[in-house]
Amino acid sequence: MNGLTRKQEICITAARLFKSKGYAAVTMRDLAAEMGIKAASLYNHISSKEEILNEVILAIAKSFTKGIRNIRSSEDKITEKLQAVIAQHVNLTADYPFEMASLNNDWMHLGEGKKEYLNLRDEYELHFREIIKQGKSEGVLKNIDEEVILFSTLVTLRNLYIWIPKKGVVDRDKIINSLNQTLLQGIEI
């Protein structure tokens, strides 16, 4: 893990363990053993398992929210914005599959970061919903309930972390194009 701080290495290793064992089952001793250090050494870099979870989840949630803010405010056509949302999910999932697993499976274990995470998630969904509403008002998208479009799309995109790591080497463009066809053809006019 060249070029990373020790704290970043800890978070990456922890995210991998959280995905394989579940957040609740991972102990600081497990994490230390995985890293080949003593558990006490972890506390030189991080105060608790909860702090690690906060770091992991909030970092990726902030990336998603910043990305969709930029997508929504762009001058792109609606279909291009929707394609950009799909591309963002594929790219972040391919880059951070373990962190995505924590985001989806472990967010409810967040302590002090839970409120911030929920605010980021709500903001993300608001921007996505507004892109959909704009597409419907411009006659680019079918008149399907925004919530149905939003959550049926998000269910697929949020669960890419299960499928992408199994593929080994990932052809991101191929996945993005396939998802664009699969998800968008059902809602575009």
C-alpha atoms as a PDB file:
ATOM      1  CA  MET A   1       0.000   0.000   0.000  1.00  0.00           C
ATOM      2  CA  ASN A   2       2.618   2.438  -1.127  1.00  0.00           C
ATOM      3  CA  GLY A   3       2.003   6.140  -0.775  1.00  0.00           C
ATOM      4  CA  LEU A   4      -0.722   5.717   1.825  1.00  0.00           C
ATOM      5  CA  THR A   5      -0.664   6.894   5.402  1.00  0.00           C
ATOM      6  CA  ARG A   6      -0.844   4.238   8.080  1.00  0.00           C
ATOM      7  CA  LYS A   7      -4.365   5.428   8.910  1.00  0.00           C
ATOM      8  CA  GLN A   8      -5.402   4.922   5.276  1.00  0.00           C
ATOM      9  CA  GLU A   9      -3.877   1.436   5.289  1.00  0.00           C
ATOM     10  CA  ILE A  10      -5.823   0.642   8.457  1.00  0.00           C
ATOM     11  CA  CYS A  11      -9.081   1.857   6.912  1.00  0.00           C
ATOM     12  CA  ILE A  12      -8.574  -0.113   3.696  1.00  0.00           C
ATOM     13  CA  THR A  13      -7.732  -3.303   5.577  1.00  0.00           C
ATOM     14  CA  ALA A  14     -10.651  -2.783   7.946  1.00  0.00           C
ATOM     15  CA  ALA A  15     -13.080  -2.255   5.053  1.00  0.00           C
ATOM     16  CA  ARG A  16     -11.926  -5.535   3.508  1.00  0.00           C
ATOM     17  CA  LEU A  17     -12.453  -7.314   6.840  1.00  0.00           C
ATOM     18  CA  PHE A  18     -15.842  -5.679   7.360  1.00  0.00           C
ATOM     19  CA  LYS A  19     -16.940  -6.997   3.966  1.00  0.00           C
ATOM     20  CA  SER A  20     -15.731 -10.534   4.582  1.00  0.00           C
ATOM     21  CA  LYS A  21     -16.778 -10.928   8.238  1.00  0.00           C
ATOM     22  CA  GLY A  22     -19.264  -8.158   8.897  1.00  0.00           C
ATOM     23  CA  TYR A  23     -18.554  -5.027  10.932  1.00  0.00           C
ATOM     24  CA  ALA A  24     -19.887  -6.437  14.202  1.00  0.00           C
ATOM     25  CA  ALA A  25     -17.690  -9.545  13.989  1.00  0.00           C
ATOM     26  CA  VAL A  26     -14.400  -7.729  13.346  1.00  0.00           C
ATOM     27  CA  THR A  27     -12.335  -6.856  16.381  1.00  0.00           C
ATOM     28  CA  MET A  28      -9.379  -4.525  16.660  1.00  0.00           C
ATOM     29  CA  ARG A  29      -7.287  -7.654  17.316  1.00  0.00           C
ATOM     30  CA  ASP A  30      -8.487  -9.110  14.000  1.00  0.00           C
ATOM     31  CA  LEU A  31      -7.504  -5.923  12.258  1.00  0.00           C
ATOM     32  CA  ALA A  32      -4.093  -5.812  13.927  1.00  0.00           C
ATOM     33  CA  ALA A  33      -3.438  -9.460  13.052  1.00  0.00           C
ATOM     34  CA  GLU A  34      -4.410  -8.821   9.422  1.00  0.00           C
ATOM     35  CA  MET A  35      -1.967  -5.923   9.312  1.00  0.00           C
ATOM     36  CA  GLY A  36       0.779  -7.853  11.112  1.00  0.00           C
ATOM     37  CA  ILE A  37       1.011  -5.441  14.024  1.00  0.00           C
ATOM     38  CA  LYS A  38      -0.006  -5.404  17.683  1.00  0.00           C
ATOM     39  CA  ALA A  39      -3.491  -4.169  18.532  1.00  0.00           C
ATOM     40  CA  ALA A  40      -2.052  -1.425  20.742  1.00  0.00           C
ATOM     41  CA  SER A  41      -0.211  -0.035  17.703  1.00  0.00           C
ATOM     42  CA  LEU A  42      -3.518   0.620  15.951  1.00  0.00           C
ATOM     43  CA  TYR A  43      -4.434   3.146  18.602  1.00  0.00           C
ATOM     44  CA  ASN A  44      -1.456   5.304  17.594  1.00  0.00           C
ATOM     45  CA  HIS A  45      -3.335   5.995  14.354  1.00  0.00           C
ATOM     46  CA  ILE A  46      -7.013   5.580  15.125  1.00  0.00           C
ATOM     47  CA  SER A  47      -9.094   5.710  18.297  1.00  0.00           C
ATOM     48  CA  SER A  48     -11.700   3.011  17.670  1.00  0.00           C
ATOM     49  CA  LYS A  49     -13.374   0.657  15.238  1.00  0.00           C
ATOM     50  CA  GLU A  50     -16.237   3.161  15.025  1.00  0.00           C
ATOM     51  CA  GLU A  51     -13.820   5.877  13.916  1.00  0.00           C
ATOM     52  CA  ILE A  52     -12.579   3.563  11.160  1.00  0.00           C
ATOM     53  CA  LEU A  53     -16.137   2.914  10.003  1.00  0.00           C
ATOM     54  CA  ASN A  54     -16.852   6.656  10.017  1.00  0.00           C
ATOM     55  CA  GLU A  55     -13.728   7.308   7.927  1.00  0.00           C
ATOM     56  CA  VAL A  56     -14.562   4.556   5.430  1.00  0.00           C
ATOM     57  CA  ILE A  57     -18.241   5.354   4.924  1.00  0.00           C
ATOM     58  CA  LEU A  58     -18.127   9.134   5.073  1.00  0.00           C
ATOM     59  CA  ALA A  59     -15.265   9.359   2.577  1.00  0.00           C
ATOM     60  CA  ILE A  60     -17.144   7.422  -0.087  1.00  0.00           C
ATOM     61  CA  ALA A  61     -20.492   9.048   0.712  1.00  0.00           C
ATOM     62  CA  LYS A  62     -18.868  12.470   0.267  1.00  0.00           C
ATOM     63  CA  SER A  63     -17.429  11.363  -3.082  1.00  0.00           C
ATOM     64  CA  PHE A  64     -20.854  10.260  -4.301  1.00  0.00           C
ATOM     65  CA  THR A  65     -22.563  13.440  -3.144  1.00  0.00           C
ATOM     66  CA  LYS A  66     -19.916  15.751  -4.593  1.00  0.00           C
ATOM     67  CA  GLY A  67     -20.089  13.829  -7.863  1.00  0.00           C
ATOM     68  CA  ILE A  68     -23.855  14.037  -8.236  1.00  0.00           C
ATOM     69  CA  ARG A  69     -23.820  17.737  -7.325  1.00  0.00           C
ATOM     70  CA  ASN A  70     -21.433  18.304 -10.221  1.00  0.00           C
ATOM     71  CA  ILE A  71     -23.479  16.092 -12.527  1.00  0.00           C
ATOM     72  CA  ARG A  72     -26.747  17.856 -11.711  1.00  0.00           C
ATOM     73  CA  SER A  73     -25.290  21.351 -12.127  1.00  0.00           C
ATOM     74  CA  SER A  74     -23.623  20.519 -15.442  1.00  0.00           C
ATOM     75  CA  GLU A  75     -24.989  21.730 -18.757  1.00  0.00           C
ATOM     76  CA  ASP A  76     -25.191  18.134 -20.032  1.00  0.00           C
ATOM     77  CA  LYS A  77     -28.373  16.686 -21.466  1.00  0.00           C
ATOM     78  CA  ILE A  78     -30.482  14.584 -19.092  1.00  0.00           C
ATOM     79  CA  THR A  79     -29.420  11.296 -20.675  1.00  0.00           C
ATOM     80  CA  GLU A  80     -25.782  12.325 -20.321  1.00  0.00           C
ATOM     81  CA  LYS A  81     -26.374  13.198 -16.668  1.00  0.00           C
ATOM     82  CA  LEU A  82     -27.959   9.802 -16.038  1.00  0.00           C
ATOM     83  CA  GLN A  83     -25.084   8.106 -17.830  1.00  0.00           C
ATOM     84  CA  ALA A  84     -22.665  10.083 -15.647  1.00  0.00           C
ATOM     85  CA  VAL A  85     -24.480   8.872 -12.506  1.00  0.00           C
ATOM     86  CA  ILE A  86     -24.099   5.274 -13.688  1.00  0.00           C
ATOM     87  CA  ALA A  87     -20.435   5.828 -14.569  1.00  0.00           C
ATOM     88  CA  GLN A  88     -19.783   7.348 -11.150  1.00  0.00           C
ATOM     89  CA  HIS A  89     -21.240   4.283  -9.438  1.00  0.00           C
ATOM     90  CA  VAL A  90     -19.250   1.859 -11.573  1.00  0.00           C
ATOM     91  CA  ASN A  91     -15.997   3.761 -11.103  1.00  0.00           C
ATOM     92  CA  LEU A  92     -16.311   4.295  -7.361  1.00  0.00           C
ATOM     93  CA  THR A  93     -17.384   0.687  -6.856  1.00  0.00           C
ATOM     94  CA  ALA A  94     -14.504  -0.641  -8.943  1.00  0.00           C
ATOM     95  CA  ASP A  95     -12.058   1.582  -7.047  1.00  0.00           C
ATOM     96  CA  TYR A  96     -13.526   0.980  -3.570  1.00  0.00           C
ATOM     97  CA  PRO A  97     -15.493  -2.294  -3.474  1.00  0.00           C
ATOM     98  CA  PHE A  98     -14.874  -2.938   0.223  1.00  0.00           C
ATOM     99  CA  GLU A  99     -15.805   0.592   1.190  1.00  0.00           C
ATOM    100  CA  MET A 100     -19.001   0.234  -0.866  1.00  0.00           C
ATOM    101  CA  ALA A 101     -19.827  -2.916   1.071  1.00  0.00           C
ATOM    102  CA  SER A 102     -19.483  -0.980   4.336  1.00  0.00           C
ATOM    103  CA  LEU A 103     -21.549   1.887   2.956  1.00  0.00           C
ATOM    104  CA  ASN A 104     -24.377  -0.476   2.091  1.00  0.00           C
ATOM    105  CA  ASN A 105     -24.150  -2.974   4.940  1.00  0.00           C
ATOM    106  CA  ASP A 106     -22.699  -1.197   7.946  1.00  0.00           C
ATOM    107  CA  TRP A 107     -23.921   2.415   7.900  1.00  0.00           C
ATOM    108  CA  MET A 108     -26.361   1.693  10.712  1.00  0.00           C
ATOM    109  CA  HIS A 109     -23.372   1.063  13.022  1.00  0.00           C
ATOM    110  CA  LEU A 110     -22.113   4.610  12.577  1.00  0.00           C
ATOM    111  CA  GLY A 111     -22.036   6.526  15.805  1.00  0.00           C
ATOM    112  CA  GLU A 112     -21.361  10.232  15.587  1.00  0.00           C
ATOM    113  CA  GLY A 113     -21.059  10.026  11.797  1.00  0.00           C
ATOM    114  CA  LYS A 114     -24.523   8.579  11.248  1.00  0.00           C
ATOM    115  CA  LYS A 115     -26.318  11.915  11.008  1.00  0.00           C
ATOM    116  CA  GLU A 116     -23.766  13.252   8.531  1.00  0.00           C
ATOM    117  CA  TYR A 117     -24.028  10.071   6.458  1.00  0.00           C
ATOM    118  CA  LEU A 118     -27.834  10.232   6.369  1.00  0.00           C
ATOM    119  CA  ASN A 119     -27.665  13.897   5.320  1.00  0.00           C
ATOM    120  CA  LEU A 120     -25.242  13.022   2.513  1.00  0.00           C
ATOM    121  CA  ARG A 121     -27.453  10.145   1.382  1.00  0.00           C
ATOM    122  CA  ASP A 122     -30.550  12.351   1.427  1.00  0.00           C
ATOM    123  CA  GLU A 123     -28.750  15.065  -0.547  1.00  0.00           C
ATOM    124  CA  TYR A 124     -27.541  12.500  -3.086  1.00  0.00           C
ATOM    125  CA  GLU A 125     -31.049  11.130  -3.570  1.00  0.00           C
ATOM    126  CA  LEU A 126     -32.466  14.673  -3.835  1.00  0.00           C
ATOM    127  CA  HIS A 127     -30.071  15.537  -6.673  1.00  0.00           C
ATOM    128  CA  PHE A 128     -30.802  12.256  -8.442  1.00  0.00           C
ATOM    129  CA  ARG A 129     -34.553  12.793  -8.021  1.00  0.00           C
ATOM    130  CA  GLU A 130     -34.256  16.326  -9.468  1.00  0.00           C
ATOM    131  CA  ILE A 131     -32.400  15.006 -12.523  1.00  0.00           C
ATOM    132  CA  ILE A 132     -35.251  12.540 -13.057  1.00  0.00           C
ATOM    133  CA  LYS A 133     -37.911  15.259 -12.600  1.00  0.00           C
ATOM    134  CA  GLN A 134     -36.115  17.501 -15.077  1.00  0.00           C
ATOM    135  CA  GLY A 135     -35.976  14.650 -17.583  1.00  0.00           C
ATOM    136  CA  LYS A 136     -39.690  14.028 -17.210  1.00  0.00           C
ATOM    137  CA  SER A 137     -40.560  17.726 -17.526  1.00  0.00           C
ATOM    138  CA  GLU A 138     -38.439  18.012 -20.681  1.00  0.00           C
ATOM    139  CA  GLY A 139     -40.164  14.966 -22.167  1.00  0.00           C
ATOM    140  CA  VAL A 140     -36.945  12.951 -22.269  1.00  0.00           C
ATOM    141  CA  LEU A 141     -38.043  10.389 -19.678  1.00  0.00           C
ATOM    142  CA  LYS A 142     -41.269   8.431 -19.471  1.00  0.00           C
ATOM    143  CA  ASN A 143     -43.903   9.561 -17.012  1.00  0.00           C
ATOM    144  CA  ILE A 144     -42.995   6.960 -14.397  1.00  0.00           C
ATOM    145  CA  ASP A 145     -43.044   7.785 -10.690  1.00  0.00           C
ATOM    146  CA  GLU A 146     -39.701   9.378  -9.699  1.00  0.00           C
ATOM    147  CA  GLU A 147     -39.401   7.162  -6.640  1.00  0.00           C
ATOM    148  CA  VAL A 148     -39.753   4.015  -8.723  1.00  0.00           C
ATOM    149  CA  ILE A 149     -37.079   5.197 -11.159  1.00  0.00           C
ATOM    150  CA  LEU A 150     -34.812   6.416  -8.373  1.00  0.00           C
ATOM    151  CA  PHE A 151     -34.915   3.370  -6.162  1.00  0.00           C
ATOM    152  CA  SER A 152     -35.007   0.721  -8.877  1.00  0.00           C
ATOM    153  CA  THR A 153     -31.906   2.313 -10.392  1.00  0.00           C
ATOM    154  CA  LEU A 154     -30.187   2.752  -7.038  1.00  0.00           C
ATOM    155  CA  VAL A 155     -30.832  -0.847  -5.996  1.00  0.00           C
ATOM    156  CA  THR A 156     -28.861  -1.986  -9.021  1.00  0.00           C
ATOM    157  CA  LEU A 157     -26.101   0.600  -8.667  1.00  0.00           C
ATOM    158  CA  ARG A 158     -25.668   0.277  -4.911  1.00  0.00           C
ATOM    159  CA  ASN A 159     -25.242  -3.476  -5.220  1.00  0.00           C
ATOM    160  CA  LEU A 160     -22.496  -3.417  -7.827  1.00  0.00           C
ATOM    161  CA  TYR A 161     -20.034  -4.038  -4.977  1.00  0.00           C
ATOM    162  CA  ILE A 162     -21.304  -7.639  -4.834  1.00  0.00           C
ATOM    163  CA  TRP A 163     -20.750  -8.313  -8.514  1.00  0.00           C
ATOM    164  CA  ILE A 164     -17.797  -6.198  -9.687  1.00  0.00           C
ATOM    165  CA  PRO A 165     -15.098  -7.771  -7.459  1.00  0.00           C
ATOM    166  CA  LYS A 166     -16.084 -11.230  -8.718  1.00  0.00           C
ATOM    167  CA  LYS A 167     -15.220 -10.186 -12.279  1.00  0.00           C
ATOM    168  CA  GLY A 168     -11.501  -9.795 -11.551  1.00  0.00           C
ATOM    169  CA  VAL A 169     -10.223  -7.410 -14.206  1.00  0.00           C
ATOM    170  CA  VAL A 170     -13.077  -5.028 -14.894  1.00  0.00           C
ATOM    171  CA  ASP A 171     -13.821  -3.453 -18.265  1.00  0.00           C
ATOM    172  CA  ARG A 172     -15.481  -0.370 -16.813  1.00  0.00           C
ATOM    173  CA  ASP A 173     -16.580   1.034 -20.158  1.00  0.00           C
ATOM    174  CA  LYS A 174     -18.310  -2.226 -21.061  1.00  0.00           C
ATOM    175  CA  ILE A 175     -20.114  -2.335 -17.705  1.00  0.00           C
ATOM    176  CA  ILE A 176     -21.105   1.336 -17.964  1.00  0.00           C
ATOM    177  CA  ASN A 177     -22.427   0.868 -21.495  1.00  0.00           C
ATOM    178  CA  SER A 178     -24.345  -2.274 -20.542  1.00  0.00           C
ATOM    179  CA  LEU A 179     -25.876  -0.588 -17.498  1.00  0.00           C
ATOM    180  CA  ASN A 180     -26.770   2.473 -19.564  1.00  0.00           C
ATOM    181  CA  GLN A 181     -28.648   0.225 -21.995  1.00  0.00           C
ATOM    182  CA  THR A 182     -30.270  -1.865 -19.297  1.00  0.00           C
ATOM    183  CA  LEU A 183     -31.293   0.904 -16.911  1.00  0.00           C
ATOM    184  CA  LEU A 184     -31.994   3.804 -19.232  1.00  0.00           C
ATOM    185  CA  GLN A 185     -33.848   2.158 -22.099  1.00  0.00           C
ATOM    186  CA  GLY A 186     -36.721   1.402 -19.760  1.00  0.00           C
ATOM    187  CA  ILE A 187     -37.242   5.053 -18.843  1.00  0.00           C
ATOM    188  CA  GLU A 188     -36.185   7.012 -21.932  1.00  0.00           C
ATOM    189  CA  ILE A 189     -38.793   8.009 -24.475  1.00  0.00           C
END
